[in-house]
Amino acid sequence: RFITKSICHHAAMMANVIKAKAICTLTNSGYTAFQISAWRPQAHILVFTSNKRILTQLNLLWGVKSYYYDKFVSTDDTVTDVNEIARQKGYVEKGDFLINLAAMPVTDKGMVNTLRVSEIE
């Protein structure tokens, strides 16, 4: 979990430096959301999970908004989907930066190992 914890810490710090509007992550257990929330970034924390059991619990974390998401096809498709959801919900708009955290491949659960910065088009 050291890698996940480190990536979450750096995502929160990077969000403040580059003035990202949101950090989006996928989680199965809620650990990633907990780690990002602990650093209190200025960006919105958008958490996507297919685990209905933790969906409402995630909203109790500082700054976290959770959404149900169960289309895990590929990392690229998933990032595109969650970025579009963030745009539709009004968290980001054209030209904003958004930080995506994910496991690669997307079917690997339990460890975030990818940080991607996206500019909303």
PDB file of N, CA and C in Angstrom:
ATOM      1  N   ARG A   1       0.804  -1.212   0.000  1.00  0.00           N
ATOM      2  CA  ARG A   1       0.000   0.000   0.000  1.00  0.00           C
ATOM      3  C   ARG A   1       0.842   1.268   0.000  1.00  0.00           C
ATOM      4  N   PHE A   2       2.147   1.119   0.135  1.00  0.00           N
ATOM      5  CA  PHE A   2       3.021   2.290   0.135  1.00  0.00           C
ATOM      6  C   PHE A   2       2.911   3.056  -1.183  1.00  0.00           C
ATOM      7  N   ILE A   3       2.840   2.328  -2.304  1.00  0.00           N
ATOM      8  CA  ILE A   3       2.751   2.976  -3.617  1.00  0.00           C
ATOM      9  C   ILE A   3       1.446   3.767  -3.717  1.00  0.00           C
ATOM     10  N   THR A   4       0.342   3.146  -3.342  1.00  0.00           N
ATOM     11  CA  THR A   4      -0.951   3.828  -3.388  1.00  0.00           C
ATOM     12  C   THR A   4      -0.941   5.077  -2.512  1.00  0.00           C
ATOM     13  N   LYS A   5      -0.433   4.942  -1.301  1.00  0.00           N
ATOM     14  CA  LYS A   5      -0.396   6.076  -0.374  1.00  0.00           C
ATOM     15  C   LYS A   5       0.457   7.211  -0.933  1.00  0.00           C
ATOM     16  N   SER A   6       1.586   6.874  -1.517  1.00  0.00           N
ATOM     17  CA  SER A   6       2.485   7.872  -2.093  1.00  0.00           C
ATOM     18  C   SER A   6       1.841   8.578  -3.286  1.00  0.00           C
ATOM     19  N   ILE A   7       1.199   7.824  -4.159  1.00  0.00           N
ATOM     20  CA  ILE A   7       0.548   8.415  -5.332  1.00  0.00           C
ATOM     21  C   ILE A   7      -0.597   9.336  -4.899  1.00  0.00           C
ATOM     22  N   CYS A   8      -1.366   8.928  -3.909  1.00  0.00           N
ATOM     23  CA  CYS A   8      -2.466   9.770  -3.412  1.00  0.00           C
ATOM     24  C   CYS A   8      -1.932  11.072  -2.821  1.00  0.00           C
ATOM     25  N   HIS A   9      -0.858  10.979  -2.056  1.00  0.00           N
ATOM     26  CA  HIS A   9      -0.244  12.179  -1.467  1.00  0.00           C
ATOM     27  C   HIS A   9       0.217  13.132  -2.563  1.00  0.00           C
ATOM     28  N   HIS A  10       0.924  12.602  -3.549  1.00  0.00           N
ATOM     29  CA  HIS A  10       1.439  13.451  -4.621  1.00  0.00           C
ATOM     30  C   HIS A  10       0.319  14.002  -5.507  1.00  0.00           C
ATOM     31  N   ALA A  11      -0.760  13.251  -5.671  1.00  0.00           N
ATOM     32  CA  ALA A  11      -1.906  13.756  -6.436  1.00  0.00           C
ATOM     33  C   ALA A  11      -2.519  14.967  -5.736  1.00  0.00           C
ATOM     34  N   ALA A  12      -2.656  14.887  -4.421  1.00  0.00           N
ATOM     35  CA  ALA A  12      -3.224  16.007  -3.662  1.00  0.00           C
ATOM     36  C   ALA A  12      -2.314  17.230  -3.727  1.00  0.00           C
ATOM     37  N   MET A  13      -1.021  17.020  -3.594  1.00  0.00           N
ATOM     38  CA  MET A  13      -0.070  18.130  -3.659  1.00  0.00           C
ATOM     39  C   MET A  13      -0.034  18.735  -5.069  1.00  0.00           C
ATOM     40  N   MET A  14      -0.019  17.875  -6.082  1.00  0.00           N
ATOM     41  CA  MET A  14       0.014  18.336  -7.470  1.00  0.00           C
ATOM     42  C   MET A  14      -1.255  19.114  -7.809  1.00  0.00           C
ATOM     43  N   ALA A  15      -2.391  18.653  -7.316  1.00  0.00           N
ATOM     44  CA  ALA A  15      -3.656  19.345  -7.584  1.00  0.00           C
ATOM     45  C   ALA A  15      -3.591  20.790  -7.102  1.00  0.00           C
ATOM     46  N   ASN A  16      -2.984  21.003  -5.945  1.00  0.00           N
ATOM     47  CA  ASN A  16      -2.854  22.365  -5.421  1.00  0.00           C
ATOM     48  C   ASN A  16      -1.889  23.199  -6.256  1.00  0.00           C
ATOM     49  N   VAL A  17      -0.798  22.595  -6.705  1.00  0.00           N
ATOM     50  CA  VAL A  17       0.224  23.327  -7.465  1.00  0.00           C
ATOM     51  C   VAL A  17      -0.284  23.725  -8.852  1.00  0.00           C
ATOM     52  N   ILE A  18      -0.914  22.775  -9.558  1.00  0.00           N
ATOM     53  CA  ILE A  18      -1.361  23.065 -10.928  1.00  0.00           C
ATOM     54  C   ILE A  18      -2.783  23.618 -10.964  1.00  0.00           C
ATOM     55  N   LYS A  19      -3.385  23.773  -9.790  1.00  0.00           N
ATOM     56  CA  LYS A  19      -4.750  24.289  -9.663  1.00  0.00           C
ATOM     57  C   LYS A  19      -5.762  23.422 -10.417  1.00  0.00           C
ATOM     58  N   ALA A  20      -5.603  22.100 -10.268  1.00  0.00           N
ATOM     59  CA  ALA A  20      -6.559  21.161 -10.860  1.00  0.00           C
ATOM     60  C   ALA A  20      -7.911  21.352 -10.184  1.00  0.00           C
ATOM     61  N   LYS A  21      -8.969  21.221 -10.942  1.00  0.00           N
ATOM     62  CA  LYS A  21     -10.314  21.410 -10.397  1.00  0.00           C
ATOM     63  C   LYS A  21     -10.836  20.153  -9.712  1.00  0.00           C
ATOM     64  N   ALA A  22     -10.312  18.977 -10.110  1.00  0.00           N
ATOM     65  CA  ALA A  22     -10.815  17.733  -9.526  1.00  0.00           C
ATOM     66  C   ALA A  22      -9.752  16.645  -9.555  1.00  0.00           C
ATOM     67  N   ILE A  23      -9.888  15.724  -8.612  1.00  0.00           N
ATOM     68  CA  ILE A  23      -9.113  14.490  -8.597  1.00  0.00           C
ATOM     69  C   ILE A  23     -10.138  13.375  -8.706  1.00  0.00           C
ATOM     70  N   CYS A  24      -9.999  12.534  -9.718  1.00  0.00           N
ATOM     71  CA  CYS A  24     -10.925  11.422  -9.920  1.00  0.00           C
ATOM     72  C   CYS A  24     -10.190  10.117  -9.673  1.00  0.00           C
ATOM     73  N   THR A  25     -10.832   9.221  -8.955  1.00  0.00           N
ATOM     74  CA  THR A  25     -10.218   7.926  -8.703  1.00  0.00           C
ATOM     75  C   THR A  25     -11.271   6.835  -8.680  1.00  0.00           C
ATOM     76  N   LEU A  26     -10.826   5.632  -8.954  1.00  0.00           N
ATOM     77  CA  LEU A  26     -11.664   4.447  -8.848  1.00  0.00           C
ATOM     78  C   LEU A  26     -11.233   3.721  -7.586  1.00  0.00           C
ATOM     79  N   THR A  27     -12.192   3.164  -6.865  1.00  0.00           N
ATOM     80  CA  THR A  27     -11.837   2.426  -5.655  1.00  0.00           C
ATOM     81  C   THR A  27     -12.810   1.287  -5.440  1.00  0.00           C
ATOM     82  N   ASN A  28     -12.313   0.228  -4.843  1.00  0.00           N
ATOM     83  CA  ASN A  28     -13.172  -0.893  -4.495  1.00  0.00           C
ATOM     84  C   ASN A  28     -13.398  -0.938  -2.987  1.00  0.00           C
ATOM     85  N   SER A  29     -12.403  -0.510  -2.233  1.00  0.00           N
ATOM     86  CA  SER A  29     -12.485  -0.574  -0.773  1.00  0.00           C
ATOM     87  C   SER A  29     -12.694   0.792  -0.125  1.00  0.00           C
ATOM     88  N   GLY A  30     -12.370   1.871  -0.833  1.00  0.00           N
ATOM     89  CA  GLY A  30     -12.451   3.211  -0.269  1.00  0.00           C
ATOM     90  C   GLY A  30     -11.116   3.729   0.221  1.00  0.00           C
ATOM     91  N   TYR A  31     -10.086   2.889   0.200  1.00  0.00           N
ATOM     92  CA  TYR A  31      -8.773   3.272   0.713  1.00  0.00           C
ATOM     93  C   TYR A  31      -8.201   4.480  -0.032  1.00  0.00           C
ATOM     94  N   THR A  32      -8.305   4.477  -1.346  1.00  0.00           N
ATOM     95  CA  THR A  32      -7.771   5.577  -2.148  1.00  0.00           C
ATOM     96  C   THR A  32      -8.462   6.891  -1.789  1.00  0.00           C
ATOM     97  N   ALA A  33      -9.773   6.858  -1.668  1.00  0.00           N
ATOM     98  CA  ALA A  33     -10.529   8.061  -1.299  1.00  0.00           C
ATOM     99  C   ALA A  33     -10.098   8.563   0.074  1.00  0.00           C
ATOM    100  N   PHE A  34      -9.922   7.653   1.010  1.00  0.00           N
ATOM    101  CA  PHE A  34      -9.490   8.010   2.362  1.00  0.00           C
ATOM    102  C   PHE A  34      -8.125   8.690   2.334  1.00  0.00           C
ATOM    103  N   GLN A  35      -7.203   8.150   1.547  1.00  0.00           N
ATOM    104  CA  GLN A  35      -5.851   8.703   1.471  1.00  0.00           C
ATOM    105  C   GLN A  35      -5.847  10.099   0.846  1.00  0.00           C
ATOM    106  N   ILE A  36      -6.592  10.287  -0.230  1.00  0.00           N
ATOM    107  CA  ILE A  36      -6.633  11.605  -0.879  1.00  0.00           C
ATOM    108  C   ILE A  36      -7.288  12.623   0.053  1.00  0.00           C
ATOM    109  N   SER A  37      -8.389  12.239   0.654  1.00  0.00           N
ATOM    110  CA  SER A  37      -9.126  13.130   1.544  1.00  0.00           C
ATOM    111  C   SER A  37      -8.270  13.588   2.724  1.00  0.00           C
ATOM    112  N   ALA A  38      -7.406  12.729   3.197  1.00  0.00           N
ATOM    113  CA  ALA A  38      -6.557  13.051   4.350  1.00  0.00           C
ATOM    114  C   ALA A  38      -5.640  14.241   4.081  1.00  0.00           C
ATOM    115  N   TRP A  39      -5.295  14.477   2.820  1.00  0.00           N
ATOM    116  CA  TRP A  39      -4.387  15.581   2.468  1.00  0.00           C
ATOM    117  C   TRP A  39      -5.116  16.882   2.186  1.00  0.00           C
ATOM    118  N   ARG A  40      -6.454  16.869   2.212  1.00  0.00           N
ATOM    119  CA  ARG A  40      -7.272  18.074   2.054  1.00  0.00           C
ATOM    120  C   ARG A  40      -6.906  18.933   0.840  1.00  0.00           C
ATOM    121  N   PRO A  41      -6.901  18.341  -0.364  1.00  0.00           N
ATOM    122  CA  PRO A  41      -6.577  19.165  -1.539  1.00  0.00           C
ATOM    123  C   PRO A  41      -7.679  20.189  -1.808  1.00  0.00           C
ATOM    124  N   GLN A  42      -7.325  21.251  -2.529  1.00  0.00           N
ATOM    125  CA  GLN A  42      -8.307  22.278  -2.880  1.00  0.00           C
ATOM    126  C   GLN A  42      -9.262  21.788  -3.963  1.00  0.00           C
ATOM    127  N   ALA A  43      -8.881  20.762  -4.704  1.00  0.00           N
ATOM    128  CA  ALA A  43      -9.692  20.222  -5.797  1.00  0.00           C
ATOM    129  C   ALA A  43     -10.837  19.360  -5.254  1.00  0.00           C
ATOM    130  N   HIS A  44     -11.891  19.219  -6.063  1.00  0.00           N
ATOM    131  CA  HIS A  44     -12.962  18.281  -5.739  1.00  0.00           C
ATOM    132  C   HIS A  44     -12.374  16.874  -5.783  1.00  0.00           C
ATOM    133  N   ILE A  45     -12.843  16.002  -4.912  1.00  0.00           N
ATOM    134  CA  ILE A  45     -12.413  14.605  -4.921  1.00  0.00           C
ATOM    135  C   ILE A  45     -13.606  13.785  -5.391  1.00  0.00           C
ATOM    136  N   LEU A  46     -13.514  13.266  -6.606  1.00  0.00           N
ATOM    137  CA  LEU A  46     -14.601  12.485  -7.193  1.00  0.00           C
ATOM    138  C   LEU A  46     -14.183  11.024  -7.187  1.00  0.00           C
ATOM    139  N   VAL A  47     -14.960  10.197  -6.505  1.00  0.00           N
ATOM    140  CA  VAL A  47     -14.608   8.799  -6.323  1.00  0.00           C
ATOM    141  C   VAL A  47     -15.663   7.935  -7.000  1.00  0.00           C
ATOM    142  N   PHE A  48     -15.206   7.008  -7.809  1.00  0.00           N
ATOM    143  CA  PHE A  48     -16.087   6.117  -8.549  1.00  0.00           C
ATOM    144  C   PHE A  48     -15.866   4.695  -8.059  1.00  0.00           C
ATOM    145  N   THR A  49     -16.972   4.000  -7.756  1.00  0.00           N
ATOM    146  CA  THR A  49     -16.867   2.637  -7.246  1.00  0.00           C
ATOM    147  C   THR A  49     -18.020   1.785  -7.755  1.00  0.00           C
ATOM    148  N   SER A  50     -17.761   0.496  -7.858  1.00  0.00           N
ATOM    149  CA  SER A  50     -18.824  -0.449  -8.203  1.00  0.00           C
ATOM    150  C   SER A  50     -19.323  -1.152  -6.941  1.00  0.00           C
ATOM    151  N   ASN A  51     -18.763  -0.787  -5.800  1.00  0.00           N
ATOM    152  CA  ASN A  51     -19.108  -1.392  -4.519  1.00  0.00           C
ATOM    153  C   ASN A  51     -20.215  -0.567  -3.851  1.00  0.00           C
ATOM    154  N   LYS A  52     -21.451  -1.027  -3.989  1.00  0.00           N
ATOM    155  CA  LYS A  52     -22.589  -0.272  -3.455  1.00  0.00           C
ATOM    156  C   LYS A  52     -22.547  -0.174  -1.930  1.00  0.00           C
ATOM    157  N   ARG A  53     -21.889  -1.121  -1.290  1.00  0.00           N
ATOM    158  CA  ARG A  53     -21.814  -1.143   0.169  1.00  0.00           C
ATOM    159  C   ARG A  53     -21.086   0.079   0.727  1.00  0.00           C
ATOM    160  N   ILE A  54     -20.056   0.554   0.018  1.00  0.00           N
ATOM    161  CA  ILE A  54     -19.270   1.685   0.533  1.00  0.00           C
ATOM    162  C   ILE A  54     -19.649   3.022  -0.106  1.00  0.00           C
ATOM    163  N   LEU A  55     -20.559   2.994  -1.056  1.00  0.00           N
ATOM    164  CA  LEU A  55     -20.901   4.199  -1.822  1.00  0.00           C
ATOM    165  C   LEU A  55     -21.312   5.370  -0.920  1.00  0.00           C
ATOM    166  N   THR A  56     -22.228   5.149  -0.009  1.00  0.00           N
ATOM    167  CA  THR A  56     -22.674   6.244   0.856  1.00  0.00           C
ATOM    168  C   THR A  56     -21.643   6.584   1.928  1.00  0.00           C
ATOM    169  N   GLN A  57     -20.879   5.593   2.370  1.00  0.00           N
ATOM    170  CA  GLN A  57     -19.842   5.848   3.377  1.00  0.00           C
ATOM    171  C   GLN A  57     -18.771   6.788   2.843  1.00  0.00           C
ATOM    172  N   LEU A  58     -18.476   6.685   1.553  1.00  0.00           N
ATOM    173  CA  LEU A  58     -17.443   7.532   0.955  1.00  0.00           C
ATOM    174  C   LEU A  58     -17.800   9.012   1.054  1.00  0.00           C
ATOM    175  N   ASN A  59     -19.086   9.321   0.976  1.00  0.00           N
ATOM    176  CA  ASN A  59     -19.518  10.721   1.047  1.00  0.00           C
ATOM    177  C   ASN A  59     -19.279  11.350   2.418  1.00  0.00           C
ATOM    178  N   LEU A  60     -18.973  10.542   3.408  1.00  0.00           N
ATOM    179  CA  LEU A  60     -18.683  11.062   4.746  1.00  0.00           C
ATOM    180  C   LEU A  60     -17.244  11.556   4.864  1.00  0.00           C
ATOM    181  N   LEU A  61     -16.406  11.198   3.908  1.00  0.00           N
ATOM    182  CA  LEU A  61     -15.013  11.648   3.924  1.00  0.00           C
ATOM    183  C   LEU A  61     -14.930  13.110   3.497  1.00  0.00           C
ATOM    184  N   TRP A  62     -13.955  13.823   4.013  1.00  0.00           N
ATOM    185  CA  TRP A  62     -13.778  15.244   3.729  1.00  0.00           C
ATOM    186  C   TRP A  62     -13.617  15.478   2.229  1.00  0.00           C
ATOM    187  N   GLY A  63     -14.499  16.286   1.643  1.00  0.00           N
ATOM    188  CA  GLY A  63     -14.378  16.705   0.259  1.00  0.00           C
ATOM    189  C   GLY A  63     -14.733  15.679  -0.797  1.00  0.00           C
ATOM    190  N   VAL A  64     -15.189  14.501  -0.395  1.00  0.00           N
ATOM    191  CA  VAL A  64     -15.429  13.409  -1.350  1.00  0.00           C
ATOM    192  C   VAL A  64     -16.869  13.407  -1.841  1.00  0.00           C
ATOM    193  N   LYS A  65     -17.010  13.248  -3.148  1.00  0.00           N
ATOM    194  CA  LYS A  65     -18.305  13.001  -3.781  1.00  0.00           C
ATOM    195  C   LYS A  65     -18.171  11.644  -4.470  1.00  0.00           C
ATOM    196  N   SER A  66     -19.056  10.710  -4.143  1.00  0.00           N
ATOM    197  CA  SER A  66     -18.921   9.366  -4.711  1.00  0.00           C
ATOM    198  C   SER A  66     -20.031   9.076  -5.713  1.00  0.00           C
ATOM    199  N   TYR A  67     -19.674   8.278  -6.702  1.00  0.00           N
ATOM    200  CA  TYR A  67     -20.594   7.908  -7.773  1.00  0.00           C
ATOM    201  C   TYR A  67     -20.442   6.431  -8.081  1.00  0.00           C
ATOM    202  N   TYR A  68     -21.570   5.809  -8.428  1.00  0.00           N
ATOM    203  CA  TYR A  68     -21.539   4.403  -8.823  1.00  0.00           C
ATOM    204  C   TYR A  68     -21.030   4.306 -10.256  1.00  0.00           C
ATOM    205  N   TYR A  69     -20.078   3.427 -10.475  1.00  0.00           N
ATOM    206  CA  TYR A  69     -19.511   3.232 -11.812  1.00  0.00           C
ATOM    207  C   TYR A  69     -19.093   1.775 -11.935  1.00  0.00           C
ATOM    208  N   ASP A  70     -19.591   1.091 -12.957  1.00  0.00           N
ATOM    209  CA  ASP A  70     -19.270  -0.333 -13.091  1.00  0.00           C
ATOM    210  C   ASP A  70     -18.815  -0.750 -14.490  1.00  0.00           C
ATOM    211  N   LYS A  71     -18.407   0.209 -15.321  1.00  0.00           N
ATOM    212  CA  LYS A  71     -17.936  -0.118 -16.670  1.00  0.00           C
ATOM    213  C   LYS A  71     -16.410  -0.122 -16.693  1.00  0.00           C
ATOM    214  N   PHE A  72     -15.814  -1.246 -16.349  1.00  0.00           N
ATOM    215  CA  PHE A  72     -14.358  -1.336 -16.318  1.00  0.00           C
ATOM    216  C   PHE A  72     -13.872  -2.065 -17.566  1.00  0.00           C
ATOM    217  N   VAL A  73     -13.717  -1.331 -18.660  1.00  0.00           N
ATOM    218  CA  VAL A  73     -13.295  -1.918 -19.929  1.00  0.00           C
ATOM    219  C   VAL A  73     -11.786  -1.810 -20.071  1.00  0.00           C
ATOM    220  N   SER A  74     -11.293  -0.599 -20.161  1.00  0.00           N
ATOM    221  CA  SER A  74      -9.848  -0.354 -20.232  1.00  0.00           C
ATOM    222  C   SER A  74      -9.566   0.922 -19.453  1.00  0.00           C
ATOM    223  N   THR A  75      -8.319   1.119 -19.106  1.00  0.00           N
ATOM    224  CA  THR A  75      -7.959   2.313 -18.342  1.00  0.00           C
ATOM    225  C   THR A  75      -8.286   3.579 -19.126  1.00  0.00           C
ATOM    226  N   ASP A  76      -7.937   3.610 -20.403  1.00  0.00           N
ATOM    227  CA  ASP A  76      -8.198   4.799 -21.221  1.00  0.00           C
ATOM    228  C   ASP A  76      -9.688   5.105 -21.323  1.00  0.00           C
ATOM    229  N   ASP A  77     -10.505   4.068 -21.574  1.00  0.00           N
ATOM    230  CA  ASP A  77     -11.953   4.278 -21.676  1.00  0.00           C
ATOM    231  C   ASP A  77     -12.545   4.738 -20.350  1.00  0.00           C
ATOM    232  N   THR A  78     -12.058   4.157 -19.263  1.00  0.00           N
ATOM    233  CA  THR A  78     -12.552   4.523 -17.942  1.00  0.00           C
ATOM    234  C   THR A  78     -12.208   5.969 -17.612  1.00  0.00           C
ATOM    235  N   VAL A  79     -10.977   6.381 -17.893  1.00  0.00           N
ATOM    236  CA  VAL A  79     -10.566   7.770 -17.648  1.00  0.00           C
ATOM    237  C   VAL A  79     -11.427   8.720 -18.468  1.00  0.00           C
ATOM    238  N   THR A  80     -11.663   8.394 -19.728  1.00  0.00           N
ATOM    239  CA  THR A  80     -12.515   9.222 -20.584  1.00  0.00           C
ATOM    240  C   THR A  80     -13.923   9.323 -20.004  1.00  0.00           C
ATOM    241  N   ASP A  81     -14.471   8.190 -19.550  1.00  0.00           N
ATOM    242  CA  ASP A  81     -15.818   8.174 -18.969  1.00  0.00           C
ATOM    243  C   ASP A  81     -15.918   9.040 -17.717  1.00  0.00           C
ATOM    244  N   VAL A  82     -14.988   8.857 -16.781  1.00  0.00           N
ATOM    245  CA  VAL A  82     -15.090   9.615 -15.524  1.00  0.00           C
ATOM    246  C   VAL A  82     -14.830  11.104 -15.751  1.00  0.00           C
ATOM    247  N   ASN A  83     -13.977  11.435 -16.713  1.00  0.00           N
ATOM    248  CA  ASN A  83     -13.765  12.853 -17.045  1.00  0.00           C
ATOM    249  C   ASN A  83     -15.052  13.470 -17.590  1.00  0.00           C
ATOM    250  N   GLU A  84     -15.756  12.722 -18.415  1.00  0.00           N
ATOM    251  CA  GLU A  84     -17.016  13.210 -18.976  1.00  0.00           C
ATOM    252  C   GLU A  84     -18.076  13.356 -17.880  1.00  0.00           C
ATOM    253  N   ILE A  85     -18.116  12.414 -16.953  1.00  0.00           N
ATOM    254  CA  ILE A  85     -19.061  12.512 -15.834  1.00  0.00           C
ATOM    255  C   ILE A  85     -18.752  13.755 -15.001  1.00  0.00           C
ATOM    256  N   ALA A  86     -17.471  13.997 -14.738  1.00  0.00           N
ATOM    257  CA  ALA A  86     -17.063  15.184 -13.967  1.00  0.00           C
ATOM    258  C   ALA A  86     -17.489  16.464 -14.682  1.00  0.00           C
ATOM    259  N   ARG A  87     -17.363  16.471 -16.005  1.00  0.00           N
ATOM    260  CA  ARG A  87     -17.774  17.644 -16.785  1.00  0.00           C
ATOM    261  C   ARG A  87     -19.293  17.821 -16.742  1.00  0.00           C
ATOM    262  N   GLN A  88     -20.028  16.725 -16.923  1.00  0.00           N
ATOM    263  CA  GLN A  88     -21.493  16.786 -16.904  1.00  0.00           C
ATOM    264  C   GLN A  88     -22.038  17.236 -15.550  1.00  0.00           C
ATOM    265  N   LYS A  89     -21.374  16.840 -14.482  1.00  0.00           N
ATOM    266  CA  LYS A  89     -21.820  17.201 -13.126  1.00  0.00           C
ATOM    267  C   LYS A  89     -21.405  18.623 -12.746  1.00  0.00           C
ATOM    268  N   GLY A  90     -20.602  19.276 -13.592  1.00  0.00           N
ATOM    269  CA  GLY A  90     -20.242  20.666 -13.349  1.00  0.00           C
ATOM    270  C   GLY A  90     -18.997  20.884 -12.498  1.00  0.00           C
ATOM    271  N   TYR A  91     -18.230  19.839 -12.251  1.00  0.00           N
ATOM    272  CA  TYR A  91     -17.008  19.991 -11.453  1.00  0.00           C
ATOM    273  C   TYR A  91     -15.859  20.577 -12.266  1.00  0.00           C
ATOM    274  N   VAL A  92     -15.880  20.326 -13.566  1.00  0.00           N
ATOM    275  CA  VAL A  92     -14.831  20.847 -14.443  1.00  0.00           C
ATOM    276  C   VAL A  92     -15.473  21.387 -15.715  1.00  0.00           C
ATOM    277  N   GLU A  93     -14.738  22.255 -16.397  1.00  0.00           N
ATOM    278  CA  GLU A  93     -15.188  22.757 -17.689  1.00  0.00           C
ATOM    279  C   GLU A  93     -13.984  22.805 -18.624  1.00  0.00           C
ATOM    280  N   LYS A  94     -14.237  23.166 -19.859  1.00  0.00           N
ATOM    281  CA  LYS A  94     -13.186  23.178 -20.867  1.00  0.00           C
ATOM    282  C   LYS A  94     -11.980  24.000 -20.398  1.00  0.00           C
ATOM    283  N   GLY A  95     -10.791  23.413 -20.557  1.00  0.00           N
ATOM    284  CA  GLY A  95      -9.553  24.084 -20.183  1.00  0.00           C
ATOM    285  C   GLY A  95      -9.070  23.774 -18.773  1.00  0.00           C
ATOM    286  N   ASP A  96      -9.933  23.176 -17.946  1.00  0.00           N
ATOM    287  CA  ASP A  96      -9.540  22.828 -16.577  1.00  0.00           C
ATOM    288  C   ASP A  96      -8.654  21.585 -16.565  1.00  0.00           C
ATOM    289  N   PHE A  97      -7.813  21.500 -15.541  1.00  0.00           N
ATOM    290  CA  PHE A  97      -7.013  20.298 -15.328  1.00  0.00           C
ATOM    291  C   PHE A  97      -7.733  19.388 -14.345  1.00  0.00           C
ATOM    292  N   LEU A  98      -7.581  18.093 -14.575  1.00  0.00           N
ATOM    293  CA  LEU A  98      -8.190  17.072 -13.741  1.00  0.00           C
ATOM    294  C   LEU A  98      -7.149  15.976 -13.549  1.00  0.00           C
ATOM    295  N   ILE A  99      -7.017  15.462 -12.347  1.00  0.00           N
ATOM    296  CA  ILE A  99      -6.053  14.399 -12.067  1.00  0.00           C
ATOM    297  C   ILE A  99      -6.808  13.086 -11.930  1.00  0.00           C
ATOM    298  N   ASN A 100      -6.373  12.075 -12.678  1.00  0.00           N
ATOM    299  CA  ASN A 100      -6.980  10.748 -12.626  1.00  0.00           C
ATOM    300  C   ASN A 100      -6.026   9.783 -11.943  1.00  0.00           C
ATOM    301  N   LEU A 101      -6.548   9.003 -11.023  1.00  0.00           N
ATOM    302  CA  LEU A 101      -5.786   7.935 -10.387  1.00  0.00           C
ATOM    303  C   LEU A 101      -6.460   6.620 -10.737  1.00  0.00           C
ATOM    304  N   ALA A 102      -5.662   5.620 -11.079  1.00  0.00           N
ATOM    305  CA  ALA A 102      -6.232   4.326 -11.450  1.00  0.00           C
ATOM    306  C   ALA A 102      -5.202   3.225 -11.277  1.00  0.00           C
ATOM    307  N   ALA A 103      -5.709   2.003 -11.268  1.00  0.00           N
ATOM    308  CA  ALA A 103      -4.843   0.835 -11.317  1.00  0.00           C
ATOM    309  C   ALA A 103      -4.698   0.460 -12.782  1.00  0.00           C
ATOM    310  N   MET A 104      -3.523   0.046 -13.162  1.00  0.00           N
ATOM    311  CA  MET A 104      -3.301  -0.385 -14.539  1.00  0.00           C
ATOM    312  C   MET A 104      -2.766  -1.798 -14.520  1.00  0.00           C
ATOM    313  N   PRO A 105      -3.427  -2.746 -15.156  1.00  0.00           N
ATOM    314  CA  PRO A 105      -4.697  -2.612 -15.883  1.00  0.00           C
ATOM    315  C   PRO A 105      -5.852  -2.353 -14.924  1.00  0.00           C
ATOM    316  N   VAL A 106      -6.938  -1.821 -15.481  1.00  0.00           N
ATOM    317  CA  VAL A 106      -8.067  -1.365 -14.672  1.00  0.00           C
ATOM    318  C   VAL A 106      -8.716  -2.510 -13.893  1.00  0.00           C
ATOM    319  N   THR A 107      -8.528  -3.741 -14.333  1.00  0.00           N
ATOM    320  CA  THR A 107      -9.113  -4.886 -13.632  1.00  0.00           C
ATOM    321  C   THR A 107      -8.328  -5.250 -12.379  1.00  0.00           C
ATOM    322  N   ASP A 108      -7.112  -4.731 -12.220  1.00  0.00           N
ATOM    323  CA  ASP A 108      -6.327  -4.970 -11.005  1.00  0.00           C
ATOM    324  C   ASP A 108      -6.893  -4.122  -9.883  1.00  0.00           C
ATOM    325  N   LYS A 109      -7.437  -4.789  -8.887  1.00  0.00           N
ATOM    326  CA  LYS A 109      -8.013  -4.063  -7.761  1.00  0.00           C
ATOM    327  C   LYS A 109      -7.038  -4.105  -6.596  1.00  0.00           C
ATOM    328  N   GLY A 110      -7.028  -3.052  -5.812  1.00  0.00           N
ATOM    329  CA  GLY A 110      -6.227  -3.062  -4.606  1.00  0.00           C
ATOM    330  C   GLY A 110      -5.002  -2.176  -4.624  1.00  0.00           C
ATOM    331  N   MET A 111      -4.593  -1.685  -5.808  1.00  0.00           N
ATOM    332  CA  MET A 111      -3.410  -0.833  -5.808  1.00  0.00           C
ATOM    333  C   MET A 111      -3.462   0.192  -6.934  1.00  0.00           C
ATOM    334  N   VAL A 112      -3.505   1.455  -6.568  1.00  0.00           N
ATOM    335  CA  VAL A 112      -3.402   2.534  -7.546  1.00  0.00           C
ATOM    336  C   VAL A 112      -1.937   2.653  -7.927  1.00  0.00           C
ATOM    337  N   ASN A 113      -1.658   2.620  -9.228  1.00  0.00           N
ATOM    338  CA  ASN A 113      -0.270   2.727  -9.676  1.00  0.00           C
ATOM    339  C   ASN A 113      -0.104   3.711 -10.828  1.00  0.00           C
ATOM    340  N   THR A 114      -1.160   4.476 -11.118  1.00  0.00           N
ATOM    341  CA  THR A 114      -1.108   5.404 -12.244  1.00  0.00           C
ATOM    342  C   THR A 114      -1.704   6.755 -11.860  1.00  0.00           C
ATOM    343  N   LEU A 115      -0.980   7.814 -12.169  1.00  0.00           N
ATOM    344  CA  LEU A 115      -1.468   9.180 -11.987  1.00  0.00           C
ATOM    345  C   LEU A 115      -1.410   9.841 -13.356  1.00  0.00           C
ATOM    346  N   ARG A 116      -2.541  10.379 -13.796  1.00  0.00           N
ATOM    347  CA  ARG A 116      -2.602  11.018 -15.113  1.00  0.00           C
ATOM    348  C   ARG A 116      -3.245  12.394 -14.974  1.00  0.00           C
ATOM    349  N   VAL A 117      -2.632  13.382 -15.581  1.00  0.00           N
ATOM    350  CA  VAL A 117      -3.210  14.726 -15.598  1.00  0.00           C
ATOM    351  C   VAL A 117      -3.882  14.919 -16.946  1.00  0.00           C
ATOM    352  N   SER A 118      -5.159  15.282 -16.928  1.00  0.00           N
ATOM    353  CA  SER A 118      -5.920  15.498 -18.156  1.00  0.00           C
ATOM    354  C   SER A 118      -6.375  16.946 -18.220  1.00  0.00           C
ATOM    355  N   GLU A 119      -6.390  17.491 -19.429  1.00  0.00           N
ATOM    356  CA  GLU A 119      -6.988  18.806 -19.643  1.00  0.00           C
ATOM    357  C   GLU A 119      -8.328  18.583 -20.312  1.00  0.00           C
ATOM    358  N   ILE A 120      -9.375  19.152 -19.758  1.00  0.00           N
ATOM    359  CA  ILE A 120     -10.727  18.950 -20.277  1.00  0.00           C
ATOM    360  C   ILE A 120     -10.871  19.675 -21.611  1.00  0.00           C
ATOM    361  N   GLU A 121     -11.379  18.951 -22.590  1.00  0.00           N
ATOM    362  CA  GLU A 121     -11.553  19.507 -23.944  1.00  0.00           C
ATOM    363  C   GLU A 121     -12.998  19.868 -24.195  1.00  0.00           C
TER     364      GLU A 121
END
